[in-house]
Amino acid sequence: MKWTDAEDIGIALVEKFPGVDPLTVRFTDLREKVTGLDGFDDDPKLSNEPKLEAIQMAWYEEFKDAH
């Protein structure tokens, strides 16, 4: 997965952190969670606010569907 794979990352995050409300996660913590995912293979330095926001929203959509 790359930073631009927001939907795939969102699914992986809801599976790995099922009880975490994505809207409570700061971007610095989100970046750490994403780079720690199995299958994530991108340069951590390439993250930016728009990419993290897209990931957070994709994660939130998956979180809402699961609860």
Protein backbone atom coordinates (compact mmCIF):
# COMPACT_ATOMS: atom_id res chain seq x y z
CA MET A 1 0.00 0.00 0.00
CA LYS A 2 1.04 3.56 -0.71
CA TRP A 3 -0.06 6.86 0.87
CA THR A 4 -2.54 7.31 -1.99
CA ASP A 5 -4.35 4.01 -1.22
CA ALA A 6 -6.66 5.68 1.29
CA GLU A 7 -9.49 3.14 1.03
CA ASP A 8 -7.21 0.11 1.43
CA ILE A 9 -5.44 1.78 4.35
CA GLY A 10 -8.79 2.68 5.93
CA ILE A 11 -9.88 -0.97 5.79
CA ALA A 12 -6.58 -2.15 7.24
CA LEU A 13 -6.78 0.41 10.06
CA VAL A 14 -10.32 -0.57 11.09
CA GLU A 15 -9.24 -4.22 11.14
CA LYS A 16 -6.12 -3.52 13.22
CA PHE A 17 -7.70 -0.90 15.53
CA PRO A 18 -11.41 -1.84 15.65
CA GLY A 19 -12.29 0.16 18.76
CA VAL A 20 -10.53 3.38 17.80
CA ASP A 21 -12.65 6.29 16.56
CA PRO A 22 -10.57 7.69 13.68
CA LEU A 23 -11.75 11.22 14.38
CA THR A 24 -9.96 11.14 17.74
CA VAL A 25 -6.57 10.29 16.20
CA ARG A 26 -4.07 13.10 15.64
CA PHE A 27 -2.29 13.14 12.30
CA THR A 28 1.08 12.42 13.95
CA ASP A 29 -0.40 9.27 15.51
CA LEU A 30 -2.22 8.36 12.29
CA ARG A 31 1.06 8.55 10.39
CA GLU A 32 2.64 6.11 12.85
CA LYS A 33 -0.33 3.73 12.62
CA VAL A 34 -0.21 3.73 8.81
CA THR A 35 3.53 3.18 8.56
CA GLY A 36 3.18 0.25 11.00
CA LEU A 37 0.60 -1.59 8.91
CA ASP A 38 1.51 -4.90 7.30
CA GLY A 39 1.66 -4.33 3.57
CA PHE A 40 2.42 -0.61 3.79
CA ASP A 41 5.37 0.06 1.53
CA ASP A 42 5.90 3.76 0.93
CA ASP A 43 8.31 6.44 2.06
CA PRO A 44 7.13 7.87 5.40
CA LYS A 45 8.42 11.26 4.28
CA LEU A 46 5.85 11.37 1.47
CA SER A 47 2.92 11.76 3.86
CA ASN A 48 1.22 15.15 4.02
CA GLU A 49 -1.92 16.63 5.49
CA PRO A 50 -4.21 16.03 2.47
CA LYS A 51 -3.13 12.38 2.23
CA LEU A 52 -3.57 11.83 5.96
CA GLU A 53 -6.97 13.53 5.87
CA ALA A 54 -8.09 11.25 3.02
CA ILE A 55 -6.90 8.21 4.99
CA GLN A 56 -8.66 9.41 8.14
CA MET A 57 -11.94 9.89 6.25
CA ALA A 58 -11.66 6.47 4.58
CA TRP A 59 -10.95 4.91 7.99
CA TYR A 60 -13.94 6.76 9.44
CA GLU A 61 -16.24 5.45 6.71
CA GLU A 62 -15.12 1.88 7.47
CA PHE A 63 -15.46 2.54 11.22
CA LYS A 64 -19.03 3.84 10.81
CA ASP A 65 -20.00 0.79 8.75
CA ALA A 66 -18.58 -1.55 11.41
CA HIS A 67 -20.45 0.08 14.31
